[in-house]
PDB file of N, CA and C in Angstrom:
ATOM      1  N   MET A   1       0.843  -1.168   0.000  1.00  0.00           N
ATOM      2  CA  MET A   1       0.000   0.000   0.000  1.00  0.00           C
ATOM      3  C   MET A   1       0.894   1.238   0.000  1.00  0.00           C
ATOM      4  N   PRO A   2       1.089   1.869  -1.139  1.00  0.00           N
ATOM      5  CA  PRO A   2       2.025   2.996  -1.216  1.00  0.00           C
ATOM      6  C   PRO A   2       1.625   4.236  -0.418  1.00  0.00           C
ATOM      7  N   PHE A   3       0.351   4.651  -0.489  1.00  0.00           N
ATOM      8  CA  PHE A   3      -0.085   5.866   0.191  1.00  0.00           C
ATOM      9  C   PHE A   3      -1.375   5.640   0.951  1.00  0.00           C
ATOM     10  N   VAL A   4      -1.543   6.413   2.025  1.00  0.00           N
ATOM     11  CA  VAL A   4      -2.706   6.319   2.899  1.00  0.00           C
ATOM     12  C   VAL A   4      -3.236   7.732   3.140  1.00  0.00           C
ATOM     13  N   ILE A   5      -4.548   7.877   3.108  1.00  0.00           N
ATOM     14  CA  ILE A   5      -5.177   9.149   3.438  1.00  0.00           C
ATOM     15  C   ILE A   5      -5.637   9.063   4.887  1.00  0.00           C
ATOM     16  N   ALA A   6      -5.247  10.057   5.681  1.00  0.00           N
ATOM     17  CA  ALA A   6      -5.505  10.019   7.121  1.00  0.00           C
ATOM     18  C   ALA A   6      -6.535  11.075   7.557  1.00  0.00           C
ATOM     19  N   GLU A   7      -6.627  11.263   8.856  1.00  0.00           N
ATOM     20  CA  GLU A   7      -7.673  12.060   9.496  1.00  0.00           C
ATOM     21  C   GLU A   7      -7.901  13.472   8.939  1.00  0.00           C
ATOM     22  N   PRO A   8      -6.873  14.206   8.524  1.00  0.00           N
ATOM     23  CA  PRO A   8      -7.150  15.563   8.044  1.00  0.00           C
ATOM     24  C   PRO A   8      -8.148  15.622   6.874  1.00  0.00           C
ATOM     25  N   CYS A   9      -8.363  14.509   6.192  1.00  0.00           N
ATOM     26  CA  CYS A   9      -9.314  14.475   5.077  1.00  0.00           C
ATOM     27  C   CYS A   9     -10.762  14.394   5.569  1.00  0.00           C
ATOM     28  N   ILE A  10     -10.971  13.878   6.764  1.00  0.00           N
ATOM     29  CA  ILE A  10     -12.319  13.682   7.288  1.00  0.00           C
ATOM     30  C   ILE A  10     -13.062  15.020   7.293  1.00  0.00           C
ATOM     31  N   GLY A  11     -14.221  15.021   6.656  1.00  0.00           N
ATOM     32  CA  GLY A  11     -15.048  16.211   6.620  1.00  0.00           C
ATOM     33  C   GLY A  11     -14.625  17.259   5.610  1.00  0.00           C
ATOM     34  N   VAL A  12     -13.456  17.102   4.996  1.00  0.00           N
ATOM     35  CA  VAL A  12     -12.974  18.076   4.019  1.00  0.00           C
ATOM     36  C   VAL A  12     -13.231  17.555   2.607  1.00  0.00           C
ATOM     37  N   LYS A  13     -12.695  16.390   2.338  1.00  0.00           N
ATOM     38  CA  LYS A  13     -12.856  15.715   1.050  1.00  0.00           C
ATOM     39  C   LYS A  13     -12.650  16.649  -0.144  1.00  0.00           C
ATOM     40  N   ASP A  14     -11.567  17.389  -0.113  1.00  0.00           N
ATOM     41  CA  ASP A  14     -11.166  18.207  -1.249  1.00  0.00           C
ATOM     42  C   ASP A  14     -10.752  17.268  -2.376  1.00  0.00           C
ATOM     43  N   LYS A  15     -11.128  17.558  -3.594  1.00  0.00           N
ATOM     44  CA  LYS A  15     -10.877  16.641  -4.715  1.00  0.00           C
ATOM     45  C   LYS A  15      -9.545  16.877  -5.426  1.00  0.00           C
ATOM     46  N   SER A  16      -8.678  17.680  -4.866  1.00  0.00           N
ATOM     47  CA  SER A  16      -7.401  17.969  -5.525  1.00  0.00           C
ATOM     48  C   SER A  16      -6.612  16.703  -5.811  1.00  0.00           C
ATOM     49  N   CYS A  17      -6.606  15.779  -4.872  1.00  0.00           N
ATOM     50  CA  CYS A  17      -5.854  14.537  -5.049  1.00  0.00           C
ATOM     51  C   CYS A  17      -6.455  13.689  -6.175  1.00  0.00           C
ATOM     52  N   VAL A  18      -7.764  13.662  -6.246  1.00  0.00           N
ATOM     53  CA  VAL A  18      -8.455  12.878  -7.276  1.00  0.00           C
ATOM     54  C   VAL A  18      -8.126  13.435  -8.664  1.00  0.00           C
ATOM     55  N   GLU A  19      -8.117  14.747  -8.771  1.00  0.00           N
ATOM     56  CA  GLU A  19      -7.900  15.408 -10.059  1.00  0.00           C
ATOM     57  C   GLU A  19      -6.500  15.187 -10.620  1.00  0.00           C
ATOM     58  N   VAL A  20      -5.505  14.998  -9.763  1.00  0.00           N
ATOM     59  CA  VAL A  20      -4.132  14.829 -10.253  1.00  0.00           C
ATOM     60  C   VAL A  20      -3.707  13.372 -10.402  1.00  0.00           C
ATOM     61  N   CYS A  21      -4.496  12.443  -9.915  1.00  0.00           N
ATOM     62  CA  CYS A  21      -4.116  11.029  -9.971  1.00  0.00           C
ATOM     63  C   CYS A  21      -4.149  10.524 -11.416  1.00  0.00           C
ATOM     64  N   PRO A  22      -3.002  10.089 -11.948  1.00  0.00           N
ATOM     65  CA  PRO A  22      -2.965   9.653 -13.344  1.00  0.00           C
ATOM     66  C   PRO A  22      -3.615   8.290 -13.602  1.00  0.00           C
ATOM     67  N   VAL A  23      -3.868   7.521 -12.557  1.00  0.00           N
ATOM     68  CA  VAL A  23      -4.458   6.188 -12.750  1.00  0.00           C
ATOM     69  C   VAL A  23      -5.839   6.053 -12.106  1.00  0.00           C
ATOM     70  N   ASN A  24      -6.384   7.152 -11.609  1.00  0.00           N
ATOM     71  CA  ASN A  24      -7.728   7.148 -11.016  1.00  0.00           C
ATOM     72  C   ASN A  24      -7.895   6.079  -9.937  1.00  0.00           C
ATOM     73  N   CYS A  25      -6.967   6.050  -8.996  1.00  0.00           N
ATOM     74  CA  CYS A  25      -7.015   5.033  -7.941  1.00  0.00           C
ATOM     75  C   CYS A  25      -7.520   5.569  -6.613  1.00  0.00           C
ATOM     76  N   ILE A  26      -8.034   6.802  -6.611  1.00  0.00           N
ATOM     77  CA  ILE A  26      -8.552   7.398  -5.384  1.00  0.00           C
ATOM     78  C   ILE A  26     -10.072   7.376  -5.450  1.00  0.00           C
ATOM     79  N   TYR A  27     -10.667   6.761  -4.437  1.00  0.00           N
ATOM     80  CA  TYR A  27     -12.112   6.545  -4.414  1.00  0.00           C
ATOM     81  C   TYR A  27     -12.752   7.266  -3.238  1.00  0.00           C
ATOM     82  N   GLU A  28     -13.960   7.758  -3.471  1.00  0.00           N
ATOM     83  CA  GLU A  28     -14.677   8.473  -2.424  1.00  0.00           C
ATOM     84  C   GLU A  28     -15.386   7.502  -1.508  1.00  0.00           C
ATOM     85  N   GLY A  29     -15.187   7.694  -0.215  1.00  0.00           N
ATOM     86  CA  GLY A  29     -15.900   6.932   0.794  1.00  0.00           C
ATOM     87  C   GLY A  29     -16.901   7.836   1.476  1.00  0.00           C
ATOM     88  N   GLU A  30     -17.569   7.313   2.458  1.00  0.00           N
ATOM     89  CA  GLU A  30     -18.593   8.103   3.147  1.00  0.00           C
ATOM     90  C   GLU A  30     -18.017   9.330   3.846  1.00  0.00           C
ATOM     91  N   ASP A  31     -16.865   9.164   4.498  1.00  0.00           N
ATOM     92  CA  ASP A  31     -16.307  10.266   5.273  1.00  0.00           C
ATOM     93  C   ASP A  31     -14.964  10.796   4.765  1.00  0.00           C
ATOM     94  N   GLN A  32     -14.360  10.115   3.796  1.00  0.00           N
ATOM     95  CA  GLN A  32     -13.053  10.525   3.281  1.00  0.00           C
ATOM     96  C   GLN A  32     -12.783   9.826   1.955  1.00  0.00           C
ATOM     97  N   TYR A  33     -11.649  10.157   1.345  1.00  0.00           N
ATOM     98  CA  TYR A  33     -11.198   9.462   0.151  1.00  0.00           C
ATOM     99  C   TYR A  33     -10.251   8.340   0.558  1.00  0.00           C
ATOM    100  N   TYR A  34     -10.137   7.347  -0.328  1.00  0.00           N
ATOM    101  CA  TYR A  34      -9.274   6.197  -0.080  1.00  0.00           C
ATOM    102  C   TYR A  34      -8.448   5.917  -1.329  1.00  0.00           C
ATOM    103  N   ILE A  35      -7.205   5.517  -1.136  1.00  0.00           N
ATOM    104  CA  ILE A  35      -6.317   5.172  -2.246  1.00  0.00           C
ATOM    105  C   ILE A  35      -6.269   3.653  -2.359  1.00  0.00           C
ATOM    106  N   HIS A  36      -6.610   3.150  -3.545  1.00  0.00           N
ATOM    107  CA  HIS A  36      -6.622   1.697  -3.748  1.00  0.00           C
ATOM    108  C   HIS A  36      -5.177   1.186  -3.734  1.00  0.00           C
ATOM    109  N   PRO A  37      -4.866   0.278  -2.825  1.00  0.00           N
ATOM    110  CA  PRO A  37      -3.477  -0.173  -2.665  1.00  0.00           C
ATOM    111  C   PRO A  37      -2.914  -0.936  -3.852  1.00  0.00           C
ATOM    112  N   ASP A  38      -3.752  -1.580  -4.644  1.00  0.00           N
ATOM    113  CA  ASP A  38      -3.252  -2.345  -5.785  1.00  0.00           C
ATOM    114  C   ASP A  38      -3.190  -1.527  -7.068  1.00  0.00           C
ATOM    115  N   GLU A  39      -3.907  -0.425  -7.108  1.00  0.00           N
ATOM    116  CA  GLU A  39      -3.955   0.406  -8.315  1.00  0.00           C
ATOM    117  C   GLU A  39      -2.960   1.564  -8.283  1.00  0.00           C
ATOM    118  N   CYS A  40      -2.563   1.985  -7.100  1.00  0.00           N
ATOM    119  CA  CYS A  40      -1.652   3.126  -6.949  1.00  0.00           C
ATOM    120  C   CYS A  40      -0.284   2.798  -7.550  1.00  0.00           C
ATOM    121  N   ILE A  41       0.250   3.747  -8.326  1.00  0.00           N
ATOM    122  CA  ILE A  41       1.554   3.540  -8.961  1.00  0.00           C
ATOM    123  C   ILE A  41       2.670   4.291  -8.229  1.00  0.00           C
ATOM    124  N   ASP A  42       2.362   4.826  -7.058  1.00  0.00           N
ATOM    125  CA  ASP A  42       3.363   5.473  -6.205  1.00  0.00           C
ATOM    126  C   ASP A  42       4.001   6.692  -6.875  1.00  0.00           C
ATOM    127  N   CYS A  43       3.190   7.476  -7.589  1.00  0.00           N
ATOM    128  CA  CYS A  43       3.733   8.636  -8.305  1.00  0.00           C
ATOM    129  C   CYS A  43       3.881   9.875  -7.417  1.00  0.00           C
ATOM    130  N   GLN A  44       3.234   9.888  -6.273  1.00  0.00           N
ATOM    131  CA  GLN A  44       3.301  10.958  -5.280  1.00  0.00           C
ATOM    132  C   GLN A  44       2.549  12.229  -5.674  1.00  0.00           C
ATOM    133  N   ALA A  45       1.828  12.212  -6.786  1.00  0.00           N
ATOM    134  CA  ALA A  45       1.088  13.403  -7.219  1.00  0.00           C
ATOM    135  C   ALA A  45       0.016  13.789  -6.210  1.00  0.00           C
ATOM    136  N   CYS A  46      -0.659  12.807  -5.654  1.00  0.00           N
ATOM    137  CA  CYS A  46      -1.731  13.084  -4.692  1.00  0.00           C
ATOM    138  C   CYS A  46      -1.195  13.725  -3.428  1.00  0.00           C
ATOM    139  N   GLU A  47      -0.074  13.242  -2.970  1.00  0.00           N
ATOM    140  CA  GLU A  47       0.526  13.755  -1.737  1.00  0.00           C
ATOM    141  C   GLU A  47       0.825  15.248  -1.877  1.00  0.00           C
ATOM    142  N   ALA A  48       1.388  15.636  -3.006  1.00  0.00           N
ATOM    143  CA  ALA A  48       1.729  17.037  -3.236  1.00  0.00           C
ATOM    144  C   ALA A  48       0.488  17.908  -3.418  1.00  0.00           C
ATOM    145  N   ALA A  49      -0.592  17.348  -3.940  1.00  0.00           N
ATOM    146  CA  ALA A  49      -1.795  18.125  -4.234  1.00  0.00           C
ATOM    147  C   ALA A  49      -2.721  18.307  -3.046  1.00  0.00           C
ATOM    148  N   CYS A  50      -2.571  17.517  -2.017  1.00  0.00           N
ATOM    149  CA  CYS A  50      -3.500  17.542  -0.885  1.00  0.00           C
ATOM    150  C   CYS A  50      -3.369  18.857  -0.103  1.00  0.00           C
ATOM    151  N   PRO A  51      -4.437  19.666  -0.058  1.00  0.00           N
ATOM    152  CA  PRO A  51      -4.355  20.960   0.634  1.00  0.00           C
ATOM    153  C   PRO A  51      -4.362  20.853   2.155  1.00  0.00           C
ATOM    154  N   VAL A  52      -4.755  19.701   2.692  1.00  0.00           N
ATOM    155  CA  VAL A  52      -4.794  19.533   4.144  1.00  0.00           C
ATOM    156  C   VAL A  52      -3.715  18.577   4.653  1.00  0.00           C
ATOM    157  N   GLN A  53      -2.815  18.186   3.778  1.00  0.00           N
ATOM    158  CA  GLN A  53      -1.689  17.309   4.117  1.00  0.00           C
ATOM    159  C   GLN A  53      -2.153  16.048   4.833  1.00  0.00           C
ATOM    160  N   ALA A  54      -3.103  15.361   4.194  1.00  0.00           N
ATOM    161  CA  ALA A  54      -3.671  14.142   4.769  1.00  0.00           C
ATOM    162  C   ALA A  54      -3.099  12.874   4.157  1.00  0.00           C
ATOM    163  N   ILE A  55      -2.256  12.994   3.137  1.00  0.00           N
ATOM    164  CA  ILE A  55      -1.757  11.820   2.417  1.00  0.00           C
ATOM    165  C   ILE A  55      -0.302  11.559   2.795  1.00  0.00           C
ATOM    166  N   PHE A  56      -0.055  10.294   3.171  1.00  0.00           N
ATOM    167  CA  PHE A  56       1.278   9.903   3.629  1.00  0.00           C
ATOM    168  C   PHE A  56       1.696   8.592   2.973  1.00  0.00           C
ATOM    169  N   PRO A  57       3.008   8.410   2.755  1.00  0.00           N
ATOM    170  CA  PRO A  57       3.470   7.077   2.368  1.00  0.00           C
ATOM    171  C   PRO A  57       3.102   6.116   3.499  1.00  0.00           C
ATOM    172  N   ASP A  58       2.800   4.884   3.171  1.00  0.00           N
ATOM    173  CA  ASP A  58       2.355   3.942   4.211  1.00  0.00           C
ATOM    174  C   ASP A  58       3.366   3.780   5.335  1.00  0.00           C
ATOM    175  N   ASN A  59       4.636   3.974   5.043  1.00  0.00           N
ATOM    176  CA  ASN A  59       5.657   3.850   6.082  1.00  0.00           C
ATOM    177  C   ASN A  59       5.972   5.192   6.751  1.00  0.00           C
ATOM    178  N   GLY A  60       5.183   6.221   6.432  1.00  0.00           N
ATOM    179  CA  GLY A  60       5.412   7.543   7.012  1.00  0.00           C
ATOM    180  C   GLY A  60       4.178   8.136   7.665  1.00  0.00           C
ATOM    181  N   VAL A  61       3.163   7.312   7.898  1.00  0.00           N
ATOM    182  CA  VAL A  61       1.949   7.797   8.554  1.00  0.00           C
ATOM    183  C   VAL A  61       2.292   8.138  10.006  1.00  0.00           C
ATOM    184  N   PRO A  62       1.934   9.352  10.463  1.00  0.00           N
ATOM    185  CA  PRO A  62       2.208   9.703  11.859  1.00  0.00           C
ATOM    186  C   PRO A  62       1.568   8.704  12.818  1.00  0.00           C
ATOM    187  N   GLU A  63       2.223   8.475  13.910  1.00  0.00           N
ATOM    188  CA  GLU A  63       1.775   7.481  14.892  1.00  0.00           C
ATOM    189  C   GLU A  63       0.299   7.652  15.268  1.00  0.00           C
ATOM    190  N   LYS A  64      -0.132   8.894  15.453  1.00  0.00           N
ATOM    191  CA  LYS A  64      -1.510   9.145  15.889  1.00  0.00           C
ATOM    192  C   LYS A  64      -2.549   8.750  14.839  1.00  0.00           C
ATOM    193  N   TRP A  65      -2.120   8.514  13.594  1.00  0.00           N
ATOM    194  CA  TRP A  65      -3.047   8.150  12.516  1.00  0.00           C
ATOM    195  C   TRP A  65      -2.739   6.782  11.917  1.00  0.00           C
ATOM    196  N   LYS A  66      -1.939   5.971  12.581  1.00  0.00           N
ATOM    197  CA  LYS A  66      -1.589   4.636  12.063  1.00  0.00           C
ATOM    198  C   LYS A  66      -2.822   3.776  11.789  1.00  0.00           C
ATOM    199  N   ASN A  67      -3.896   3.982  12.536  1.00  0.00           N
ATOM    200  CA  ASN A  67      -5.116   3.198  12.328  1.00  0.00           C
ATOM    201  C   ASN A  67      -5.721   3.419  10.948  1.00  0.00           C
ATOM    202  N   TYR A  68      -5.344   4.496  10.266  1.00  0.00           N
ATOM    203  CA  TYR A  68      -5.856   4.756   8.925  1.00  0.00           C
ATOM    204  C   TYR A  68      -5.256   3.806   7.888  1.00  0.00           C
ATOM    205  N   ILE A  69      -4.142   3.190   8.205  1.00  0.00           N
ATOM    206  CA  ILE A  69      -3.574   2.183   7.304  1.00  0.00           C
ATOM    207  C   ILE A  69      -4.555   1.019   7.205  1.00  0.00           C
ATOM    208  N   ASP A  70      -5.027   0.536   8.351  1.00  0.00           N
ATOM    209  CA  ASP A  70      -6.010  -0.552   8.360  1.00  0.00           C
ATOM    210  C   ASP A  70      -7.351  -0.100   7.808  1.00  0.00           C
ATOM    211  N   LYS A  71      -7.742   1.130   8.130  1.00  0.00           N
ATOM    212  CA  LYS A  71      -9.024   1.653   7.639  1.00  0.00           C
ATOM    213  C   LYS A  71      -9.029   1.667   6.113  1.00  0.00           C
ATOM    214  N   ASN A  72      -7.931   2.079   5.501  1.00  0.00           N
ATOM    215  CA  ASN A  72      -7.828   2.100   4.046  1.00  0.00           C
ATOM    216  C   ASN A  72      -7.910   0.682   3.484  1.00  0.00           C
ATOM    217  N   ARG A  73      -7.173  -0.223   4.071  1.00  0.00           N
ATOM    218  CA  ARG A  73      -7.160  -1.614   3.601  1.00  0.00           C
ATOM    219  C   ARG A  73      -8.568  -2.223   3.716  1.00  0.00           C
ATOM    220  N   GLU A  74      -9.208  -1.991   4.853  1.00  0.00           N
ATOM    221  CA  GLU A  74     -10.543  -2.554   5.085  1.00  0.00           C
ATOM    222  C   GLU A  74     -11.586  -1.981   4.130  1.00  0.00           C
ATOM    223  N   HIS A  75     -11.417  -0.738   3.734  1.00  0.00           N
ATOM    224  CA  HIS A  75     -12.362  -0.133   2.794  1.00  0.00           C
ATOM    225  C   HIS A  75     -12.412  -0.940   1.500  1.00  0.00           C
ATOM    226  N   PHE A  76     -11.262  -1.390   1.037  1.00  0.00           N
ATOM    227  CA  PHE A  76     -11.219  -2.149  -0.216  1.00  0.00           C
ATOM    228  C   PHE A  76     -11.453  -3.637  -0.002  1.00  0.00           C
ATOM    229  N   ASP A  77     -11.202  -4.152   1.184  1.00  0.00           N
ATOM    230  CA  ASP A  77     -11.505  -5.554   1.477  1.00  0.00           C
ATOM    231  C   ASP A  77     -12.996  -5.803   1.425  1.00  0.00           C
ATOM    232  N   ASN A  78     -13.770  -4.803   1.773  1.00  0.00           N
ATOM    233  CA  ASN A  78     -15.221  -4.943   1.822  1.00  0.00           C
ATOM    234  C   ASN A  78     -15.901  -4.715   0.476  1.00  0.00           C
ATOM    235  N   LYS A  79     -15.140  -4.488  -0.549  1.00  0.00           N
ATOM    236  CA  LYS A  79     -15.721  -4.211  -1.889  1.00  0.00           C
ATOM    237  C   LYS A  79     -15.804  -5.476  -2.708  1.00  0.00           C
TER     238      LYS A  79
END
C-alpha cells in the first residue's frame, strides 16, 4: 500500500488529489477518500496536491493516525 489518506481528510474531502491522480485510484468513501493499494503507482502526485496534508506514504503515517492504514485496507476488502 504505497499511500494512505488520514484524518485531516475527514469532513474536508477536497478533490485535488483525485484530479491529479494519473491512474484514477482514489475513491470516495462516506467520510473521506481512499487510495486503492493495488492500483496506486506510487507517483506521489496526490501527496503534493493535498491541501490539508492528509496523504502519507504507508511507512510515514504519523503514529496518531496509524489506524488509517487498516481503515484504508478494510475499505477495499469490503468491496
